[in-house]
Amino acid sequence: MQSTATEKRVDREQDRWEWTIQPRVDIREFDDHVVVEVELPGVAADKVDLQVEDGELRLTAQKASPAGEARSYQARERRHGTYSRVFRLGEQVDQDAISGEMTEGVLRIRVPKQANALPRKVSIKGE
């Protein structure tokens, strides 16, 4: 499973910046599935969109700027905008069984492998 993403900012108004953010991920592979954990701090589960299309898993999520917040900052390091990440799925993935769960700002995506892609014991006949 490979991932691709970019990070850029777009001037939406003269004094407001909105970012396209590449979220940080951990990817772990097990015998029968892959787990992708995505950091999405401050993003509600209903603001996350996860789609499978053309052999890719596409993640987008929206984190809006707090309403009524003053536009004058001494420092501003927390980003608001659109999170975006694309993962290429291999042929061994069961695309219909992919699931996701959001807990404490971390999206955990479970990507099962197809049954025919799982390791199996081959019996050997002999004398």
N, C-alpha and C. Protein backbone atom coordinates (compact mmCIF):
# COMPACT_ATOMS: atom_id res chain seq x y z
N MET A 1 0.86 -1.17 0.00
CA MET A 1 0.00 0.00 0.00
C MET A 1 0.90 1.23 0.00
N GLN A 2 0.73 2.08 -0.98
CA GLN A 2 1.52 3.30 -1.09
C GLN A 2 0.63 4.50 -0.84
N SER A 3 1.23 5.59 -0.36
CA SER A 3 0.43 6.80 -0.17
C SER A 3 1.05 7.96 -0.93
N THR A 4 0.18 8.86 -1.37
CA THR A 4 0.62 10.07 -2.05
C THR A 4 -0.16 11.24 -1.50
N ALA A 5 0.46 12.39 -1.40
CA ALA A 5 -0.25 13.56 -0.90
C ALA A 5 0.59 14.80 -1.14
N THR A 6 -0.06 15.93 -1.03
CA THR A 6 0.63 17.21 -1.13
C THR A 6 0.12 18.12 -0.03
N GLU A 7 0.87 19.14 0.26
CA GLU A 7 0.44 20.13 1.24
C GLU A 7 0.58 21.49 0.60
N LYS A 8 -0.48 22.27 0.63
CA LYS A 8 -0.43 23.59 0.04
C LYS A 8 -1.41 24.50 0.77
N ARG A 9 -1.26 25.78 0.58
CA ARG A 9 -2.24 26.68 1.18
C ARG A 9 -2.86 27.54 0.10
N VAL A 10 -4.09 27.90 0.36
CA VAL A 10 -4.87 28.66 -0.61
C VAL A 10 -5.37 29.91 0.10
N ASP A 11 -5.17 31.06 -0.52
CA ASP A 11 -5.65 32.32 0.04
C ASP A 11 -7.14 32.45 -0.27
N ARG A 12 -7.99 32.16 0.74
CA ARG A 12 -9.44 32.22 0.56
C ARG A 12 -9.95 33.66 0.70
N GLU A 13 -9.34 34.40 1.56
CA GLU A 13 -9.67 35.81 1.75
C GLU A 13 -8.34 36.52 1.98
N GLN A 14 -8.38 37.80 2.05
CA GLN A 14 -7.15 38.56 2.18
C GLN A 14 -6.39 38.21 3.46
N ASP A 15 -7.09 37.97 4.57
CA ASP A 15 -6.41 37.71 5.84
C ASP A 15 -6.69 36.32 6.41
N ARG A 16 -7.10 35.39 5.58
CA ARG A 16 -7.43 34.05 6.06
C ARG A 16 -6.80 33.02 5.14
N TRP A 17 -6.10 32.06 5.72
CA TRP A 17 -5.47 30.99 4.95
C TRP A 17 -6.15 29.67 5.25
N GLU A 18 -6.39 28.90 4.22
CA GLU A 18 -6.93 27.56 4.39
C GLU A 18 -5.93 26.60 3.79
N TRP A 19 -5.64 25.54 4.50
CA TRP A 19 -4.61 24.60 4.09
C TRP A 19 -5.19 23.30 3.56
N THR A 20 -4.47 22.68 2.62
CA THR A 20 -4.68 21.28 2.30
C THR A 20 -3.55 20.56 3.01
N ILE A 21 -3.91 19.72 3.95
CA ILE A 21 -2.95 19.14 4.89
C ILE A 21 -2.79 17.65 4.64
N GLN A 22 -1.56 17.19 4.62
CA GLN A 22 -1.28 15.76 4.52
C GLN A 22 -1.19 15.22 5.95
N PRO A 23 -2.20 14.47 6.39
CA PRO A 23 -2.15 13.96 7.77
C PRO A 23 -1.08 12.89 7.92
N ARG A 24 -0.58 12.76 9.13
CA ARG A 24 0.43 11.73 9.44
C ARG A 24 -0.26 10.38 9.59
N VAL A 25 0.40 9.33 9.10
CA VAL A 25 -0.18 7.99 9.14
C VAL A 25 0.84 6.96 9.64
N ASP A 26 0.32 5.90 10.21
CA ASP A 26 1.07 4.68 10.49
C ASP A 26 0.36 3.57 9.73
N ILE A 27 1.12 2.73 9.04
CA ILE A 27 0.54 1.61 8.29
C ILE A 27 1.20 0.33 8.79
N ARG A 28 0.36 -0.62 9.22
CA ARG A 28 0.86 -1.90 9.71
C ARG A 28 0.20 -3.03 8.93
N GLU A 29 1.01 -4.03 8.58
CA GLU A 29 0.47 -5.17 7.82
C GLU A 29 0.47 -6.41 8.69
N PHE A 30 -0.66 -7.12 8.64
CA PHE A 30 -0.82 -8.38 9.33
C PHE A 30 -1.09 -9.46 8.28
N ASP A 31 -1.19 -10.72 8.71
CA ASP A 31 -1.41 -11.81 7.75
C ASP A 31 -2.66 -11.61 6.92
N ASP A 32 -3.76 -11.18 7.56
CA ASP A 32 -5.05 -11.13 6.86
C ASP A 32 -5.60 -9.72 6.62
N HIS A 33 -4.88 -8.68 7.05
CA HIS A 33 -5.36 -7.31 6.85
C HIS A 33 -4.23 -6.30 7.04
N VAL A 34 -4.53 -5.07 6.64
CA VAL A 34 -3.64 -3.93 6.84
C VAL A 34 -4.39 -2.91 7.67
N VAL A 35 -3.70 -2.25 8.59
CA VAL A 35 -4.31 -1.20 9.40
C VAL A 35 -3.61 0.12 9.08
N VAL A 36 -4.41 1.13 8.75
CA VAL A 36 -3.90 2.48 8.50
C VAL A 36 -4.46 3.36 9.61
N GLU A 37 -3.58 3.97 10.39
CA GLU A 37 -3.99 4.89 11.44
C GLU A 37 -3.61 6.30 11.02
N VAL A 38 -4.61 7.19 10.99
CA VAL A 38 -4.45 8.54 10.47
C VAL A 38 -4.73 9.54 11.58
N GLU A 39 -3.80 10.46 11.83
CA GLU A 39 -4.02 11.51 12.82
C GLU A 39 -4.88 12.61 12.23
N LEU A 40 -6.03 12.85 12.84
CA LEU A 40 -6.95 13.91 12.42
C LEU A 40 -7.40 14.69 13.66
N PRO A 41 -6.49 15.40 14.32
CA PRO A 41 -6.85 16.09 15.55
C PRO A 41 -7.90 17.18 15.31
N GLY A 42 -8.92 17.18 16.17
CA GLY A 42 -9.94 18.20 16.08
C GLY A 42 -10.96 18.01 14.98
N VAL A 43 -10.94 16.86 14.30
CA VAL A 43 -11.87 16.59 13.20
C VAL A 43 -12.95 15.63 13.70
N ALA A 44 -14.20 16.00 13.53
CA ALA A 44 -15.32 15.13 13.90
C ALA A 44 -15.49 14.03 12.86
N ALA A 45 -15.98 12.87 13.29
CA ALA A 45 -16.16 11.72 12.40
C ALA A 45 -17.06 12.05 11.22
N ASP A 46 -18.06 12.92 11.42
CA ASP A 46 -18.96 13.25 10.31
C ASP A 46 -18.34 14.20 9.29
N LYS A 47 -17.14 14.67 9.56
CA LYS A 47 -16.41 15.53 8.62
C LYS A 47 -15.35 14.76 7.84
N VAL A 48 -15.35 13.43 7.97
CA VAL A 48 -14.38 12.57 7.30
C VAL A 48 -15.07 11.84 6.15
N ASP A 49 -14.44 11.84 4.98
CA ASP A 49 -14.96 11.13 3.82
C ASP A 49 -13.90 10.14 3.37
N LEU A 50 -14.28 8.87 3.31
CA LEU A 50 -13.38 7.80 2.91
C LEU A 50 -14.02 7.07 1.75
N GLN A 51 -13.32 7.03 0.59
CA GLN A 51 -13.87 6.40 -0.60
C GLN A 51 -12.85 5.49 -1.26
N VAL A 52 -13.36 4.41 -1.84
CA VAL A 52 -12.54 3.49 -2.62
C VAL A 52 -12.94 3.64 -4.07
N GLU A 53 -11.95 3.95 -4.92
CA GLU A 53 -12.24 4.13 -6.35
C GLU A 53 -10.98 3.88 -7.16
N ASP A 54 -11.13 3.12 -8.22
CA ASP A 54 -10.03 2.84 -9.16
C ASP A 54 -8.77 2.34 -8.45
N GLY A 55 -8.93 1.43 -7.50
CA GLY A 55 -7.78 0.85 -6.80
C GLY A 55 -7.12 1.79 -5.81
N GLU A 56 -7.80 2.86 -5.43
CA GLU A 56 -7.25 3.82 -4.47
C GLU A 56 -8.22 4.04 -3.32
N LEU A 57 -7.66 4.24 -2.14
CA LEU A 57 -8.42 4.63 -0.97
C LEU A 57 -8.19 6.12 -0.78
N ARG A 58 -9.25 6.92 -0.91
CA ARG A 58 -9.14 8.38 -0.85
C ARG A 58 -9.75 8.89 0.44
N LEU A 59 -8.94 9.64 1.19
CA LEU A 59 -9.37 10.23 2.45
C LEU A 59 -9.39 11.74 2.33
N THR A 60 -10.51 12.34 2.70
CA THR A 60 -10.58 13.80 2.84
C THR A 60 -11.32 14.08 4.14
N ALA A 61 -10.93 15.13 4.81
CA ALA A 61 -11.57 15.53 6.06
C ALA A 61 -11.46 17.05 6.17
N GLN A 62 -12.43 17.64 6.83
CA GLN A 62 -12.47 19.11 6.93
C GLN A 62 -12.35 19.53 8.38
N LYS A 63 -11.44 20.46 8.65
CA LYS A 63 -11.31 21.08 9.97
C LYS A 63 -11.45 22.59 9.77
N ALA A 64 -12.60 23.10 10.19
CA ALA A 64 -12.89 24.52 9.99
C ALA A 64 -12.20 25.37 11.05
N SER A 65 -11.91 26.61 10.70
CA SER A 65 -11.39 27.57 11.68
C SER A 65 -12.48 27.86 12.70
N PRO A 66 -12.10 28.03 13.97
CA PRO A 66 -13.11 28.35 14.97
C PRO A 66 -13.85 29.65 14.62
N ALA A 67 -15.17 29.64 14.75
CA ALA A 67 -15.99 30.81 14.42
C ALA A 67 -15.73 31.94 15.41
N GLY A 68 -15.72 33.16 14.89
CA GLY A 68 -15.58 34.34 15.73
C GLY A 68 -14.19 34.55 16.30
N GLU A 69 -13.23 33.78 15.87
CA GLU A 69 -11.88 33.91 16.38
C GLU A 69 -11.22 35.15 15.81
N ALA A 70 -10.51 35.89 16.63
CA ALA A 70 -9.83 37.10 16.17
C ALA A 70 -8.81 36.75 15.09
N ARG A 71 -8.62 37.65 14.16
CA ARG A 71 -7.71 37.39 13.03
C ARG A 71 -6.28 37.87 13.31
N SER A 72 -6.06 38.43 14.46
CA SER A 72 -4.72 38.91 14.81
C SER A 72 -4.06 37.91 15.76
N TYR A 73 -2.93 37.36 15.32
CA TYR A 73 -2.22 36.35 16.10
C TYR A 73 -0.80 36.79 16.37
N GLN A 74 -0.29 36.40 17.51
CA GLN A 74 1.15 36.52 17.77
C GLN A 74 1.88 35.35 17.14
N ALA A 75 1.23 34.20 17.17
CA ALA A 75 1.74 32.98 16.52
C ALA A 75 0.55 32.12 16.17
N ARG A 76 0.64 31.44 15.05
CA ARG A 76 -0.45 30.53 14.67
C ARG A 76 0.18 29.30 14.02
N GLU A 77 0.17 28.20 14.78
CA GLU A 77 0.77 26.97 14.30
C GLU A 77 -0.25 25.88 14.01
N ARG A 78 -1.45 25.99 14.59
CA ARG A 78 -2.50 25.00 14.33
C ARG A 78 -3.13 25.31 12.99
N ARG A 79 -3.21 24.31 12.16
CA ARG A 79 -3.75 24.51 10.82
C ARG A 79 -5.20 24.09 10.74
N HIS A 80 -5.93 24.80 9.91
CA HIS A 80 -7.32 24.49 9.63
C HIS A 80 -7.45 24.39 8.12
N GLY A 81 -8.31 23.51 7.68
CA GLY A 81 -8.49 23.35 6.25
C GLY A 81 -8.89 21.94 5.92
N THR A 82 -8.44 21.45 4.79
CA THR A 82 -8.83 20.14 4.30
C THR A 82 -7.65 19.17 4.43
N TYR A 83 -7.90 18.06 5.12
CA TYR A 83 -6.93 16.97 5.16
C TYR A 83 -7.17 16.11 3.92
N SER A 84 -6.10 15.67 3.29
CA SER A 84 -6.25 14.85 2.09
C SER A 84 -5.11 13.85 2.00
N ARG A 85 -5.46 12.61 1.67
CA ARG A 85 -4.45 11.57 1.51
C ARG A 85 -5.00 10.50 0.58
N VAL A 86 -4.16 9.94 -0.27
CA VAL A 86 -4.56 8.88 -1.19
C VAL A 86 -3.62 7.70 -0.99
N PHE A 87 -4.21 6.51 -0.88
CA PHE A 87 -3.44 5.27 -0.72
C PHE A 87 -3.76 4.35 -1.89
N ARG A 88 -2.73 3.84 -2.53
CA ARG A 88 -2.93 2.85 -3.60
C ARG A 88 -3.12 1.49 -2.96
N LEU A 89 -4.18 0.82 -3.38
CA LEU A 89 -4.48 -0.50 -2.85
C LEU A 89 -3.92 -1.55 -3.80
N GLY A 90 -3.39 -2.61 -3.25
CA GLY A 90 -2.91 -3.70 -4.09
C GLY A 90 -4.07 -4.57 -4.55
N GLU A 91 -3.79 -5.50 -5.41
CA GLU A 91 -4.82 -6.39 -5.93
C GLU A 91 -5.30 -7.38 -4.88
N GLN A 92 -4.55 -7.54 -3.80
CA GLN A 92 -4.89 -8.53 -2.77
C GLN A 92 -5.92 -8.01 -1.77
N VAL A 93 -6.38 -6.78 -1.92
CA VAL A 93 -7.28 -6.15 -0.96
C VAL A 93 -8.74 -6.46 -1.28
N ASP A 94 -9.52 -6.72 -0.23
CA ASP A 94 -10.96 -6.90 -0.36
C ASP A 94 -11.61 -5.52 -0.20
N GLN A 95 -11.77 -4.81 -1.32
CA GLN A 95 -12.22 -3.42 -1.29
C GLN A 95 -13.61 -3.24 -0.68
N ASP A 96 -14.47 -4.25 -0.79
CA ASP A 96 -15.83 -4.14 -0.26
C ASP A 96 -15.89 -4.26 1.26
N ALA A 97 -14.82 -4.71 1.89
CA ALA A 97 -14.83 -4.94 3.34
C ALA A 97 -14.01 -3.91 4.12
N ILE A 98 -13.55 -2.86 3.48
CA ILE A 98 -12.78 -1.83 4.17
C ILE A 98 -13.68 -1.10 5.15
N SER A 99 -13.17 -0.85 6.37
CA SER A 99 -13.97 -0.16 7.38
C SER A 99 -13.10 0.86 8.12
N GLY A 100 -13.76 1.82 8.75
CA GLY A 100 -13.04 2.85 9.49
C GLY A 100 -13.73 3.17 10.80
N GLU A 101 -12.93 3.58 11.79
CA GLU A 101 -13.44 3.96 13.10
C GLU A 101 -12.61 5.13 13.62
N MET A 102 -13.29 6.15 14.12
CA MET A 102 -12.62 7.35 14.62
C MET A 102 -12.66 7.34 16.15
N THR A 103 -11.49 7.46 16.79
CA THR A 103 -11.39 7.50 18.24
C THR A 103 -10.31 8.50 18.64
N GLU A 104 -10.69 9.50 19.44
CA GLU A 104 -9.76 10.47 20.00
C GLU A 104 -8.84 11.10 18.96
N GLY A 105 -9.40 11.49 17.84
CA GLY A 105 -8.62 12.17 16.81
C GLY A 105 -7.78 11.27 15.92
N VAL A 106 -7.97 9.97 16.03
CA VAL A 106 -7.24 9.02 15.18
C VAL A 106 -8.26 8.17 14.41
N LEU A 107 -8.15 8.20 13.09
CA LEU A 107 -8.98 7.36 12.23
C LEU A 107 -8.23 6.06 12.01
N ARG A 108 -8.88 4.95 12.36
CA ARG A 108 -8.28 3.63 12.18
C ARG A 108 -9.03 2.93 11.05
N ILE A 109 -8.32 2.68 9.95
CA ILE A 109 -8.91 2.06 8.77
C ILE A 109 -8.41 0.62 8.70
N ARG A 110 -9.35 -0.32 8.60
CA ARG A 110 -8.99 -1.74 8.48
C ARG A 110 -9.23 -2.14 7.04
N VAL A 111 -8.16 -2.65 6.41
CA VAL A 111 -8.20 -3.04 5.00
C VAL A 111 -7.94 -4.54 4.92
N PRO A 112 -9.01 -5.35 4.83
CA PRO A 112 -8.84 -6.80 4.77
C PRO A 112 -8.23 -7.26 3.44
N LYS A 113 -7.50 -8.35 3.51
CA LYS A 113 -6.96 -8.96 2.29
C LYS A 113 -7.97 -9.99 1.79
N GLN A 114 -7.95 -10.25 0.50
CA GLN A 114 -8.82 -11.28 -0.08
C GLN A 114 -8.38 -12.64 0.43
N ALA A 115 -9.34 -13.54 0.57
CA ALA A 115 -9.05 -14.87 1.09
C ALA A 115 -7.99 -15.59 0.25
N ASN A 116 -8.04 -15.42 -1.06
CA ASN A 116 -7.06 -16.12 -1.91
C ASN A 116 -5.66 -15.51 -1.81
N ALA A 117 -5.52 -14.37 -1.12
CA ALA A 117 -4.21 -13.74 -0.96
C ALA A 117 -3.55 -14.13 0.37
N LEU A 118 -4.29 -14.83 1.23
CA LEU A 118 -3.76 -15.21 2.54
C LEU A 118 -2.79 -16.37 2.42
N PRO A 119 -1.77 -16.39 3.28
CA PRO A 119 -0.84 -17.52 3.25
C PRO A 119 -1.58 -18.82 3.61
N ARG A 120 -1.18 -19.88 3.00
CA ARG A 120 -1.79 -21.16 3.32
C ARG A 120 -0.72 -22.24 3.31
N LYS A 121 -0.99 -23.28 4.04
CA LYS A 121 -0.08 -24.42 4.14
C LYS A 121 -0.31 -25.32 2.92
N VAL A 122 0.76 -25.69 2.29
CA VAL A 122 0.69 -26.59 1.14
C VAL A 122 1.12 -27.97 1.61
N SER A 123 0.24 -28.93 1.41
CA SER A 123 0.59 -30.32 1.82
C SER A 123 1.47 -30.97 0.76
N ILE A 124 2.37 -31.76 1.24
CA ILE A 124 3.30 -32.44 0.35
C ILE A 124 3.07 -33.94 0.50
N LYS A 125 2.84 -34.60 -0.60
CA LYS A 125 2.63 -36.05 -0.58
C LYS A 125 3.95 -36.74 -0.83
N GLY A 126 4.12 -37.81 -0.18
CA GLY A 126 5.37 -38.54 -0.35
C GLY A 126 5.19 -40.01 -0.04
N GLU A 127 6.26 -40.72 -0.17
CA GLU A 127 6.24 -42.16 0.06
C GLU A 127 6.19 -42.51 1.51
